[in-house]
PDB file of all heavy atoms in Angstrom:
ATOM      1  N   LEU A   1    -126.937 -19.210   7.990  1.00  0.00           N
ATOM      2  CA  LEU A   1    -127.510 -19.078   6.659  1.00  0.00           C
ATOM      3  C   LEU A   1    -126.591 -18.229   5.794  1.00  0.00           C
ATOM      4  O   LEU A   1    -126.209 -17.134   6.154  1.00  0.00           O
ATOM      5  CB  LEU A   1    -128.895 -18.427   6.757  1.00  0.00           C
ATOM      6  CG  LEU A   1    -129.635 -18.217   5.440  1.00  0.00           C
ATOM      7  CD1 LEU A   1    -129.948 -19.555   4.800  1.00  0.00           C
ATOM      8  CD2 LEU A   1    -130.914 -17.442   5.694  1.00  0.00           C
ATOM      9  N   ASN A   2    -126.227 -18.755   4.649  1.00  0.00           N
ATOM     10  CA  ASN A   2    -125.375 -18.030   3.722  1.00  0.00           C
ATOM     11  C   ASN A   2    -126.125 -17.921   2.407  1.00  0.00           C
ATOM     12  O   ASN A   2    -126.040 -18.788   1.555  1.00  0.00           O
ATOM     13  CB  ASN A   2    -124.046 -18.770   3.540  1.00  0.00           C
ATOM     14  CG  ASN A   2    -123.082 -17.981   2.691  1.00  0.00           C
ATOM     15  OD1 ASN A   2    -123.319 -16.816   2.365  1.00  0.00           O
ATOM     16  ND2 ASN A   2    -121.987 -18.602   2.325  1.00  0.00           N
ATOM     17  N   SER A   3    -126.878 -16.844   2.262  1.00  0.00           N
ATOM     18  CA  SER A   3    -127.722 -16.684   1.093  1.00  0.00           C
ATOM     19  C   SER A   3    -127.696 -15.241   0.634  1.00  0.00           C
ATOM     20  O   SER A   3    -127.520 -14.322   1.420  1.00  0.00           O
ATOM     21  CB  SER A   3    -129.148 -17.091   1.455  1.00  0.00           C
ATOM     22  OG  SER A   3    -129.998 -16.932   0.360  1.00  0.00           O
ATOM     23  N   SER A   4    -127.900 -15.043  -0.660  1.00  0.00           N
ATOM     24  CA  SER A   4    -127.938 -13.689  -1.199  1.00  0.00           C
ATOM     25  C   SER A   4    -129.339 -13.099  -1.152  1.00  0.00           C
ATOM     26  O   SER A   4    -129.509 -11.902  -1.124  1.00  0.00           O
ATOM     27  CB  SER A   4    -127.448 -13.687  -2.644  1.00  0.00           C
ATOM     28  OG  SER A   4    -126.100 -14.050  -2.692  1.00  0.00           O
ATOM     29  N   PHE A   5    -130.351 -13.978  -1.195  1.00  0.00           N
ATOM     30  CA  PHE A   5    -131.720 -13.488  -1.120  1.00  0.00           C
ATOM     31  C   PHE A   5    -132.613 -14.563  -0.507  1.00  0.00           C
ATOM     32  O   PHE A   5    -132.303 -15.739  -0.527  1.00  0.00           O
ATOM     33  CB  PHE A   5    -132.242 -13.057  -2.487  1.00  0.00           C
ATOM     34  CG  PHE A   5    -132.436 -14.190  -3.463  1.00  0.00           C
ATOM     35  CD1 PHE A   5    -133.683 -14.752  -3.634  1.00  0.00           C
ATOM     36  CD2 PHE A   5    -131.379 -14.678  -4.190  1.00  0.00           C
ATOM     37  CE1 PHE A   5    -133.865 -15.798  -4.514  1.00  0.00           C
ATOM     38  CE2 PHE A   5    -131.561 -15.716  -5.088  1.00  0.00           C
ATOM     39  CZ  PHE A   5    -132.800 -16.289  -5.246  1.00  0.00           C
ATOM     40  N   VAL A   6    -133.730 -14.117   0.049  1.00  0.00           N
ATOM     41  CA  VAL A   6    -134.700 -15.014   0.677  1.00  0.00           C
ATOM     42  C   VAL A   6    -136.085 -14.579   0.237  1.00  0.00           C
ATOM     43  O   VAL A   6    -136.406 -13.390   0.256  1.00  0.00           O
ATOM     44  CB  VAL A   6    -134.604 -14.953   2.224  1.00  0.00           C
ATOM     45  CG1 VAL A   6    -135.681 -15.804   2.867  1.00  0.00           C
ATOM     46  CG2 VAL A   6    -133.230 -15.369   2.690  1.00  0.00           C
ATOM     47  N   LEU A   7    -136.909 -15.537  -0.163  1.00  0.00           N
ATOM     48  CA  LEU A   7    -138.290 -15.262  -0.540  1.00  0.00           C
ATOM     49  C   LEU A   7    -139.203 -15.615   0.619  1.00  0.00           C
ATOM     50  O   LEU A   7    -139.000 -16.630   1.277  1.00  0.00           O
ATOM     51  CB  LEU A   7    -138.699 -16.113  -1.751  1.00  0.00           C
ATOM     52  CG  LEU A   7    -137.831 -15.988  -2.988  1.00  0.00           C
ATOM     53  CD1 LEU A   7    -138.217 -17.061  -3.990  1.00  0.00           C
ATOM     54  CD2 LEU A   7    -137.982 -14.620  -3.598  1.00  0.00           C
ATOM     55  N   CYS A   8    -140.224 -14.813   0.873  1.00  0.00           N
ATOM     56  CA  CYS A   8    -141.206 -15.119   1.906  1.00  0.00           C
ATOM     57  C   CYS A   8    -142.588 -15.125   1.270  1.00  0.00           C
ATOM     58  O   CYS A   8    -143.137 -14.077   0.947  1.00  0.00           O
ATOM     59  CB  CYS A   8    -141.153 -14.109   3.042  1.00  0.00           C
ATOM     60  SG  CYS A   8    -142.358 -14.503   4.337  1.00  0.00           S
ATOM     61  N   PHE A   9    -143.123 -16.333   1.067  1.00  0.00           N
ATOM     62  CA  PHE A   9    -144.445 -16.477   0.479  1.00  0.00           C
ATOM     63  C   PHE A   9    -145.434 -17.056   1.481  1.00  0.00           C
ATOM     64  O   PHE A   9    -146.385 -17.721   1.115  1.00  0.00           O
ATOM     65  CB  PHE A   9    -144.382 -17.364  -0.770  1.00  0.00           C
ATOM     66  CG  PHE A   9    -143.678 -16.709  -1.920  1.00  0.00           C
ATOM     67  CD1 PHE A   9    -142.538 -17.265  -2.461  1.00  0.00           C
ATOM     68  CD2 PHE A   9    -144.147 -15.527  -2.460  1.00  0.00           C
ATOM     69  CE1 PHE A   9    -141.890 -16.668  -3.527  1.00  0.00           C
ATOM     70  CE2 PHE A   9    -143.503 -14.908  -3.518  1.00  0.00           C
ATOM     71  CZ  PHE A   9    -142.376 -15.486  -4.050  1.00  0.00           C
ATOM     72  N   THR A  10    -145.186 -16.822   2.744  1.00  0.00           N
ATOM     73  CA  THR A  10    -146.135 -17.230   3.774  1.00  0.00           C
ATOM     74  C   THR A  10    -146.713 -15.975   4.407  1.00  0.00           C
ATOM     75  O   THR A  10    -146.123 -14.905   4.324  1.00  0.00           O
ATOM     76  CB  THR A  10    -145.444 -18.069   4.867  1.00  0.00           C
ATOM     77  OG1 THR A  10    -144.416 -17.278   5.475  1.00  0.00           O
ATOM     78  CG2 THR A  10    -144.845 -19.338   4.290  1.00  0.00           C
ATOM     79  N   GLY A  11    -147.853 -16.102   5.014  1.00  0.00           N
ATOM     80  CA  GLY A  11    -148.467 -14.946   5.664  1.00  0.00           C
ATOM     81  C   GLY A  11    -147.611 -14.445   6.818  1.00  0.00           C
ATOM     82  O   GLY A  11    -147.107 -15.230   7.607  1.00  0.00           O
ATOM     83  N   SER A  12    -147.401 -13.167   6.879  1.00  0.00           N
ATOM     84  CA  SER A  12    -146.658 -12.585   7.999  1.00  0.00           C
ATOM     85  C   SER A  12    -147.263 -11.230   8.334  1.00  0.00           C
ATOM     86  O   SER A  12    -147.956 -10.622   7.523  1.00  0.00           O
ATOM     87  CB  SER A  12    -145.170 -12.439   7.674  1.00  0.00           C
ATOM     88  OG  SER A  12    -144.962 -11.463   6.672  1.00  0.00           O
ATOM     89  N   LYS A  13    -146.999 -10.795   9.530  1.00  0.00           N
ATOM     90  CA  LYS A  13    -147.471  -9.494  10.002  1.00  0.00           C
ATOM     91  C   LYS A  13    -146.270  -8.575  10.175  1.00  0.00           C
ATOM     92  O   LYS A  13    -145.118  -8.996  10.147  1.00  0.00           O
ATOM     93  CB  LYS A  13    -148.196  -9.649  11.345  1.00  0.00           C
ATOM     94  CG  LYS A  13    -149.368 -10.617  11.334  1.00  0.00           C
ATOM     95  CD  LYS A  13    -150.572  -9.972  10.740  1.00  0.00           C
ATOM     96  CE  LYS A  13    -151.833 -10.672  11.118  1.00  0.00           C
ATOM     97  NZ  LYS A  13    -152.454 -11.574  10.319  1.00  0.00           N
ATOM     98  N   GLU A  14    -146.538  -7.293  10.359  1.00  0.00           N
ATOM     99  CA  GLU A  14    -145.459  -6.307  10.504  1.00  0.00           C
ATOM    100  C   GLU A  14    -144.466  -6.699  11.581  1.00  0.00           C
ATOM    101  O   GLU A  14    -143.263  -6.550  11.410  1.00  0.00           O
ATOM    102  CB  GLU A  14    -146.047  -4.923  10.797  1.00  0.00           C
ATOM    103  CG  GLU A  14    -146.769  -4.312   9.627  1.00  0.00           C
ATOM    104  CD  GLU A  14    -147.276  -2.907   9.909  1.00  0.00           C
ATOM    105  OE1 GLU A  14    -147.098  -2.400  11.031  1.00  0.00           O
ATOM    106  OE2 GLU A  14    -147.847  -2.314   8.988  1.00  0.00           O
ATOM    107  N   TRP A  15    -144.964  -7.200  12.712  1.00  0.00           N
ATOM    108  CA  TRP A  15    -144.057  -7.523  13.817  1.00  0.00           C
ATOM    109  C   TRP A  15    -143.171  -8.721  13.494  1.00  0.00           C
ATOM    110  O   TRP A  15    -142.146  -8.919  14.125  1.00  0.00           O
ATOM    111  CB  TRP A  15    -144.826  -7.755  15.119  1.00  0.00           C
ATOM    112  CG  TRP A  15    -145.912  -8.784  15.016  1.00  0.00           C
ATOM    113  CD1 TRP A  15    -145.767 -10.144  15.011  1.00  0.00           C
ATOM    114  CD2 TRP A  15    -147.301  -8.529  14.891  1.00  0.00           C
ATOM    115  NE1 TRP A  15    -146.975 -10.758  14.881  1.00  0.00           N
ATOM    116  CE2 TRP A  15    -147.959  -9.786  14.813  1.00  0.00           C
ATOM    117  CE3 TRP A  15    -148.087  -7.381  14.834  1.00  0.00           C
ATOM    118  CZ2 TRP A  15    -149.327  -9.919  14.685  1.00  0.00           C
ATOM    119  CZ3 TRP A  15    -149.456  -7.527  14.717  1.00  0.00           C
ATOM    120  CH2 TRP A  15    -150.060  -8.767  14.640  1.00  0.00           C
ATOM    121  N   ASP A  16    -143.553  -9.526  12.504  1.00  0.00           N
ATOM    122  CA  ASP A  16    -142.725 -10.660  12.107  1.00  0.00           C
ATOM    123  C   ASP A  16    -141.513 -10.226  11.284  1.00  0.00           C
ATOM    124  O   ASP A  16    -140.497 -10.918  11.258  1.00  0.00           O
ATOM    125  CB  ASP A  16    -143.540 -11.647  11.261  1.00  0.00           C
ATOM    126  CG  ASP A  16    -144.695 -12.270  12.020  1.00  0.00           C
ATOM    127  OD1 ASP A  16    -144.504 -12.608  13.202  1.00  0.00           O
ATOM    128  OD2 ASP A  16    -145.778 -12.412  11.424  1.00  0.00           O
ATOM    129  N   SER A  17    -141.639  -9.112  10.587  1.00  0.00           N
ATOM    130  CA  SER A  17    -140.583  -8.702   9.661  1.00  0.00           C
ATOM    131  C   SER A  17    -139.786  -7.477  10.109  1.00  0.00           C
ATOM    132  O   SER A  17    -138.697  -7.238   9.604  1.00  0.00           O
ATOM    133  CB  SER A  17    -141.191  -8.397   8.285  1.00  0.00           C
ATOM    134  OG  SER A  17    -142.153  -7.361   8.386  1.00  0.00           O
ATOM    135  N   ALA A  18    -140.296  -6.707  11.048  1.00  0.00           N
ATOM    136  CA  ALA A  18    -139.697  -5.401  11.383  1.00  0.00           C
ATOM    137  C   ALA A  18    -138.243  -5.496  11.837  1.00  0.00           C
ATOM    138  O   ALA A  18    -137.387  -4.764  11.332  1.00  0.00           O
ATOM    139  CB  ALA A  18    -140.536  -4.695  12.439  1.00  0.00           C
ATOM    140  N   ALA A  19    -137.939  -6.376  12.774  1.00  0.00           N
ATOM    141  CA  ALA A  19    -136.570  -6.457  13.299  1.00  0.00           C
ATOM    142  C   ALA A  19    -135.586  -6.889  12.213  1.00  0.00           C
ATOM    143  O   ALA A  19    -134.533  -6.269  12.032  1.00  0.00           O
ATOM    144  CB  ALA A  19    -136.509  -7.407  14.484  1.00  0.00           C
ATOM    145  N   GLY A  20    -135.934  -7.943  11.478  1.00  0.00           N
ATOM    146  CA  GLY A  20    -135.061  -8.405  10.409  1.00  0.00           C
ATOM    147  C   GLY A  20    -134.888  -7.372   9.312  1.00  0.00           C
ATOM    148  O   GLY A  20    -133.802  -7.217   8.757  1.00  0.00           O
ATOM    149  N   ASP A  21    -135.964  -6.646   9.031  1.00  0.00           N
ATOM    150  CA  ASP A  21    -135.929  -5.607   8.003  1.00  0.00           C
ATOM    151  C   ASP A  21    -134.918  -4.520   8.361  1.00  0.00           C
ATOM    152  O   ASP A  21    -134.059  -4.170   7.555  1.00  0.00           O
ATOM    153  CB  ASP A  21    -137.326  -5.009   7.837  1.00  0.00           C
ATOM    154  CG  ASP A  21    -137.447  -4.014   6.690  1.00  0.00           C
ATOM    155  OD1 ASP A  21    -136.458  -3.770   5.971  1.00  0.00           O
ATOM    156  OD2 ASP A  21    -138.545  -3.467   6.511  1.00  0.00           O
ATOM    157  N   ILE A  22    -134.966  -4.008   9.575  1.00  0.00           N
ATOM    158  CA  ILE A  22    -134.054  -2.916   9.948  1.00  0.00           C
ATOM    159  C   ILE A  22    -132.616  -3.412  10.067  1.00  0.00           C
ATOM    160  O   ILE A  22    -131.678  -2.707   9.679  1.00  0.00           O
ATOM    161  CB  ILE A  22    -134.513  -2.184  11.227  1.00  0.00           C
ATOM    162  CG1 ILE A  22    -133.720  -0.887  11.418  1.00  0.00           C
ATOM    163  CG2 ILE A  22    -134.400  -3.051  12.453  1.00  0.00           C
ATOM    164  CD1 ILE A  22    -133.913   0.145  10.342  1.00  0.00           C
ATOM    165  N   ILE A  23    -132.430  -4.626  10.555  1.00  0.00           N
ATOM    166  CA  ILE A  23    -131.068  -5.168  10.651  1.00  0.00           C
ATOM    167  C   ILE A  23    -130.476  -5.328   9.252  1.00  0.00           C
ATOM    168  O   ILE A  23    -129.335  -4.932   8.998  1.00  0.00           O
ATOM    169  CB  ILE A  23    -131.044  -6.514  11.409  1.00  0.00           C
ATOM    170  CG1 ILE A  23    -131.369  -6.272  12.889  1.00  0.00           C
ATOM    171  CG2 ILE A  23    -129.710  -7.230  11.235  1.00  0.00           C
ATOM    172  CD1 ILE A  23    -131.646  -7.537  13.674  1.00  0.00           C
ATOM    173  N   LEU A  24    -131.257  -5.895   8.336  1.00  0.00           N
ATOM    174  CA  LEU A  24    -130.773  -6.067   6.970  1.00  0.00           C
ATOM    175  C   LEU A  24    -130.512  -4.718   6.310  1.00  0.00           C
ATOM    176  O   LEU A  24    -129.485  -4.519   5.661  1.00  0.00           O
ATOM    177  CB  LEU A  24    -131.784  -6.876   6.152  1.00  0.00           C
ATOM    178  CG  LEU A  24    -131.347  -7.288   4.755  1.00  0.00           C
ATOM    179  CD1 LEU A  24    -130.098  -8.169   4.808  1.00  0.00           C
ATOM    180  CD2 LEU A  24    -132.474  -8.007   4.044  1.00  0.00           C
ATOM    181  N   PHE A  25    -131.428  -3.766   6.484  1.00  0.00           N
ATOM    182  CA  PHE A  25    -131.273  -2.435   5.895  1.00  0.00           C
ATOM    183  C   PHE A  25    -130.015  -1.739   6.411  1.00  0.00           C
ATOM    184  O   PHE A  25    -129.245  -1.168   5.643  1.00  0.00           O
ATOM    185  CB  PHE A  25    -132.506  -1.582   6.190  1.00  0.00           C
ATOM    186  CG  PHE A  25    -132.425  -0.195   5.614  1.00  0.00           C
ATOM    187  CD1 PHE A  25    -132.594   0.015   4.256  1.00  0.00           C
ATOM    188  CD2 PHE A  25    -132.181   0.891   6.424  1.00  0.00           C
ATOM    189  CE1 PHE A  25    -132.513   1.292   3.716  1.00  0.00           C
ATOM    190  CE2 PHE A  25    -132.105   2.178   5.906  1.00  0.00           C
ATOM    191  CZ  PHE A  25    -132.269   2.373   4.544  1.00  0.00           C
ATOM    192  N   GLU A  26    -129.793  -1.797   7.713  1.00  0.00           N
ATOM    193  CA  GLU A  26    -128.621  -1.148   8.310  1.00  0.00           C
ATOM    194  C   GLU A  26    -127.315  -1.805   7.874  1.00  0.00           C
ATOM    195  O   GLU A  26    -126.270  -1.170   7.922  1.00  0.00           O
ATOM    196  CB  GLU A  26    -128.728  -1.134   9.836  1.00  0.00           C
ATOM    197  CG  GLU A  26    -129.805  -0.195  10.364  1.00  0.00           C
ATOM    198  CD  GLU A  26    -129.530   1.272  10.073  1.00  0.00           C
ATOM    199  OE1 GLU A  26    -128.366   1.700  10.166  1.00  0.00           O
ATOM    200  OE2 GLU A  26    -130.496   1.996   9.746  1.00  0.00           O
ATOM    201  N   SER A  27    -127.385  -3.056   7.439  1.00  0.00           N
ATOM    202  CA  SER A  27    -126.167  -3.731   6.984  1.00  0.00           C
ATOM    203  C   SER A  27    -125.996  -3.627   5.465  1.00  0.00           C
ATOM    204  O   SER A  27    -125.090  -4.242   4.898  1.00  0.00           O
ATOM    205  CB  SER A  27    -126.186  -5.200   7.404  1.00  0.00           C
ATOM    206  OG  SER A  27    -127.198  -5.904   6.719  1.00  0.00           O
ATOM    207  N   GLY A  28    -126.878  -2.861   4.807  1.00  0.00           N
ATOM    208  CA  GLY A  28    -126.728  -2.621   3.377  1.00  0.00           C
ATOM    209  C   GLY A  28    -127.647  -3.425   2.484  1.00  0.00           C
ATOM    210  O   GLY A  28    -127.619  -3.284   1.266  1.00  0.00           O
ATOM    211  N   GLY A  29    -128.468  -4.281   3.069  1.00  0.00           N
ATOM    212  CA  GLY A  29    -129.417  -5.073   2.295  1.00  0.00           C
ATOM    213  C   GLY A  29    -130.765  -4.367   2.233  1.00  0.00           C
ATOM    214  O   GLY A  29    -130.911  -3.231   2.669  1.00  0.00           O
ATOM    215  N   VAL A  30    -131.749  -5.076   1.699  1.00  0.00           N
ATOM    216  CA  VAL A  30    -133.077  -4.471   1.572  1.00  0.00           C
ATOM    217  C   VAL A  30    -134.135  -5.572   1.523  1.00  0.00           C
ATOM    218  O   VAL A  30    -133.891  -6.654   1.018  1.00  0.00           O
ATOM    219  CB  VAL A  30    -133.158  -3.576   0.311  1.00  0.00           C
ATOM    220  CG1 VAL A  30    -133.030  -4.378  -0.962  1.00  0.00           C
ATOM    221  CG2 VAL A  30    -134.421  -2.753   0.300  1.00  0.00           C
ATOM    222  N   VAL A  31    -135.296  -5.269   2.105  1.00  0.00           N
ATOM    223  CA  VAL A  31    -136.461  -6.143   2.020  1.00  0.00           C
ATOM    224  C   VAL A  31    -137.477  -5.419   1.151  1.00  0.00           C
ATOM    225  O   VAL A  31    -137.862  -4.294   1.455  1.00  0.00           O
ATOM    226  CB  VAL A  31    -137.064  -6.451   3.409  1.00  0.00           C
ATOM    227  CG1 VAL A  31    -138.295  -7.322   3.268  1.00  0.00           C
ATOM    228  CG2 VAL A  31    -136.036  -7.117   4.315  1.00  0.00           C
ATOM    229  N   LEU A  32    -137.892  -6.064   0.050  1.00  0.00           N
ATOM    230  CA  LEU A  32    -138.816  -5.434  -0.887  1.00  0.00           C
ATOM    231  C   LEU A  32    -140.144  -6.179  -0.929  1.00  0.00           C
ATOM    232  O   LEU A  32    -140.178  -7.413  -0.947  1.00  0.00           O
ATOM    233  CB  LEU A  32    -138.215  -5.417  -2.299  1.00  0.00           C
ATOM    234  CG  LEU A  32    -136.921  -4.643  -2.472  1.00  0.00           C
ATOM    235  CD1 LEU A  32    -136.423  -4.776  -3.910  1.00  0.00           C
ATOM    236  CD2 LEU A  32    -137.087  -3.187  -2.093  1.00  0.00           C
ATOM    237  N   ASP A  33    -141.214  -5.406  -0.961  1.00  0.00           N
ATOM    238  CA  ASP A  33    -142.563  -5.938  -1.130  1.00  0.00           C
ATOM    239  C   ASP A  33    -142.632  -6.594  -2.507  1.00  0.00           C
ATOM    240  O   ASP A  33    -142.208  -6.008  -3.510  1.00  0.00           O
ATOM    241  CB  ASP A  33    -143.551  -4.773  -1.020  1.00  0.00           C
ATOM    242  CG  ASP A  33    -144.988  -5.192  -1.148  1.00  0.00           C
ATOM    243  OD1 ASP A  33    -145.377  -5.703  -2.217  1.00  0.00           O
ATOM    244  OD2 ASP A  33    -145.742  -4.970  -0.186  1.00  0.00           O
ATOM    245  N   TYR A  34    -143.163  -7.807  -2.582  1.00  0.00           N
ATOM    246  CA  TYR A  34    -143.203  -8.534  -3.844  1.00  0.00           C
ATOM    247  C   TYR A  34    -144.106  -7.857  -4.872  1.00  0.00           C
ATOM    248  O   TYR A  34    -143.854  -7.925  -6.068  1.00  0.00           O
ATOM    249  CB  TYR A  34    -143.669  -9.975  -3.597  1.00  0.00           C
ATOM    250  CG  TYR A  34    -143.503 -10.864  -4.797  1.00  0.00           C
ATOM    251  CD1 TYR A  34    -142.268 -11.421  -5.086  1.00  0.00           C
ATOM    252  CD2 TYR A  34    -144.568 -11.137  -5.636  1.00  0.00           C
ATOM    253  CE1 TYR A  34    -142.091 -12.236  -6.198  1.00  0.00           C
ATOM    254  CE2 TYR A  34    -144.405 -11.948  -6.744  1.00  0.00           C
ATOM    255  CZ  TYR A  34    -143.174 -12.494  -7.023  1.00  0.00           C
ATOM    256  OH  TYR A  34    -143.007 -13.290  -8.123  1.00  0.00           O
ATOM    257  N   VAL A  35    -145.163  -7.178  -4.407  1.00  0.00           N
ATOM    258  CA  VAL A  35    -146.124  -6.548  -5.309  1.00  0.00           C
ATOM    259  C   VAL A  35    -145.639  -5.178  -5.785  1.00  0.00           C
ATOM    260  O   VAL A  35    -145.556  -4.910  -6.977  1.00  0.00           O
ATOM    261  CB  VAL A  35    -147.507  -6.425  -4.632  1.00  0.00           C
ATOM    262  CG1 VAL A  35    -148.479  -5.671  -5.511  1.00  0.00           C
ATOM    263  CG2 VAL A  35    -148.052  -7.799  -4.272  1.00  0.00           C
ATOM    264  N   SER A  36    -145.297  -4.300  -4.830  1.00  0.00           N
ATOM    265  CA  SER A  36    -144.934  -2.921  -5.174  1.00  0.00           C
ATOM    266  C   SER A  36    -143.462  -2.760  -5.547  1.00  0.00           C
ATOM    267  O   SER A  36    -143.082  -1.763  -6.148  1.00  0.00           O
ATOM    268  CB  SER A  36    -145.248  -1.985  -4.011  1.00  0.00           C
ATOM    269  OG  SER A  36    -144.346  -2.210  -2.936  1.00  0.00           O
ATOM    270  N   LYS A  37    -142.645  -3.726  -5.154  1.00  0.00           N
ATOM    271  CA  LYS A  37    -141.192  -3.681  -5.360  1.00  0.00           C
ATOM    272  C   LYS A  37    -140.530  -2.511  -4.620  1.00  0.00           C
ATOM    273  O   LYS A  37    -139.456  -2.064  -4.971  1.00  0.00           O
ATOM    274  CB  LYS A  37    -140.847  -3.675  -6.840  1.00  0.00           C
ATOM    275  CG  LYS A  37    -141.326  -4.938  -7.524  1.00  0.00           C
ATOM    276  CD  LYS A  37    -140.900  -5.027  -8.943  1.00  0.00           C
ATOM    277  CE  LYS A  37    -141.311  -6.312  -9.597  1.00  0.00           C
ATOM    278  NZ  LYS A  37    -142.688  -6.717  -9.473  1.00  0.00           N
ATOM    279  N   CYS A  38    -141.207  -2.028  -3.587  1.00  0.00           N
ATOM    280  CA  CYS A  38    -140.683  -0.980  -2.706  1.00  0.00           C
ATOM    281  C   CYS A  38    -140.364  -1.611  -1.358  1.00  0.00           C
ATOM    282  O   CYS A  38    -140.768  -2.736  -1.080  1.00  0.00           O
ATOM    283  CB  CYS A  38    -141.727   0.122  -2.513  1.00  0.00           C
ATOM    284  SG  CYS A  38    -142.133   1.000  -4.025  1.00  0.00           S
ATOM    285  N   ARG A  39    -139.652  -0.873  -0.528  1.00  0.00           N
ATOM    286  CA  ARG A  39    -139.388  -1.366   0.831  1.00  0.00           C
ATOM    287  C   ARG A  39    -140.709  -1.654   1.529  1.00  0.00           C
ATOM    288  O   ARG A  39    -141.727  -1.021   1.227  1.00  0.00           O
ATOM    289  CB  ARG A  39    -138.599  -0.335   1.636  1.00  0.00           C
ATOM    290  CG  ARG A  39    -137.156  -0.252   1.155  1.00  0.00           C
ATOM    291  CD  ARG A  39    -136.256   0.488   2.115  1.00  0.00           C
ATOM    292  NE  ARG A  39    -136.198  -0.223   3.390  1.00  0.00           N
ATOM    293  CZ  ARG A  39    -136.038   0.389   4.567  1.00  0.00           C
ATOM    294  NH1 ARG A  39    -135.932   1.682   4.649  1.00  0.00           N
ATOM    295  NH2 ARG A  39    -136.007  -0.313   5.681  1.00  0.00           N
ATOM    296  N   LEU A  40    -140.701  -2.597   2.446  1.00  0.00           N
ATOM    297  CA  LEU A  40    -141.918  -2.912   3.188  1.00  0.00           C
ATOM    298  C   LEU A  40    -142.431  -1.675   3.899  1.00  0.00           C
ATOM    299  O   LEU A  40    -141.651  -0.890   4.438  1.00  0.00           O
ATOM    300  CB  LEU A  40    -141.659  -3.998   4.232  1.00  0.00           C
ATOM    301  CG  LEU A  40    -141.457  -5.417   3.744  1.00  0.00           C
ATOM    302  CD1 LEU A  40    -141.301  -6.359   4.935  1.00  0.00           C
ATOM    303  CD2 LEU A  40    -142.591  -5.879   2.859  1.00  0.00           C
ATOM    304  N   ALA A  41    -143.739  -1.510   3.888  1.00  0.00           N
ATOM    305  CA  ALA A  41    -144.367  -0.377   4.575  1.00  0.00           C
ATOM    306  C   ALA A  41    -144.813  -0.837   5.962  1.00  0.00           C
ATOM    307  O   ALA A  41    -145.231  -1.984   6.146  1.00  0.00           O
ATOM    308  CB  ALA A  41    -145.563   0.123   3.780  1.00  0.00           C
ATOM    309  N   TYR A  42    -144.734   0.066   6.927  1.00  0.00           N
ATOM    310  CA  TYR A  42    -145.165  -0.223   8.288  1.00  0.00           C
ATOM    311  C   TYR A  42    -146.190   0.817   8.725  1.00  0.00           C
ATOM    312  O   TYR A  42    -146.343   1.855   8.094  1.00  0.00           O
ATOM    313  CB  TYR A  42    -143.947  -0.242   9.234  1.00  0.00           C
ATOM    314  CG  TYR A  42    -143.028  -1.405   8.935  1.00  0.00           C
ATOM    315  CD1 TYR A  42    -141.932  -1.250   8.110  1.00  0.00           C
ATOM    316  CD2 TYR A  42    -143.298  -2.661   9.442  1.00  0.00           C
ATOM    317  CE1 TYR A  42    -141.111  -2.328   7.810  1.00  0.00           C
ATOM    318  CE2 TYR A  42    -142.488  -3.749   9.147  1.00  0.00           C
ATOM    319  CZ  TYR A  42    -141.400  -3.575   8.336  1.00  0.00           C
ATOM    320  OH  TYR A  42    -140.593  -4.629   8.030  1.00  0.00           O
ATOM    321  N   ASN A  43    -146.889   0.509   9.811  1.00  0.00           N
ATOM    322  CA  ASN A  43    -147.955   1.362  10.341  1.00  0.00           C
ATOM    323  C   ASN A  43    -149.079   1.549   9.329  1.00  0.00           C
ATOM    324  O   ASN A  43    -149.651   2.615   9.192  1.00  0.00           O
ATOM    325  CB  ASN A  43    -147.412   2.724  10.803  1.00  0.00           C
ATOM    326  CG  ASN A  43    -146.394   2.569  11.902  1.00  0.00           C
ATOM    327  OD1 ASN A  43    -146.621   1.831  12.853  1.00  0.00           O
ATOM    328  ND2 ASN A  43    -145.262   3.228  11.756  1.00  0.00           N
ATOM    329  N   LYS A  44    -149.374   0.455   8.606  1.00  0.00           N
ATOM    330  CA  LYS A  44    -150.455   0.460   7.628  1.00  0.00           C
ATOM    331  C   LYS A  44    -151.778   0.174   8.341  1.00  0.00           C
ATOM    332  O   LYS A  44    -151.797  -0.250   9.489  1.00  0.00           O
ATOM    333  CB  LYS A  44    -150.229  -0.638   6.573  1.00  0.00           C
ATOM    334  CG  LYS A  44    -148.881  -0.616   5.897  1.00  0.00           C
ATOM    335  CD  LYS A  44    -148.705  -1.764   4.909  1.00  0.00           C
ATOM    336  CE  LYS A  44    -148.922  -3.140   5.455  1.00  0.00           C
ATOM    337  NZ  LYS A  44    -147.882  -3.704   6.268  1.00  0.00           N
TER     338      LYS A  44
END
């Protein structure tokens, strides 16, 4: 996959996004909550 951004408009749970979130973050990218525009929150 060669993309600058990806939208996720399907239902997902924390365990679906956690690994990808940290890998992307550590490589300089970011996953943002569509509503709050902040990084995804965990342990909610």
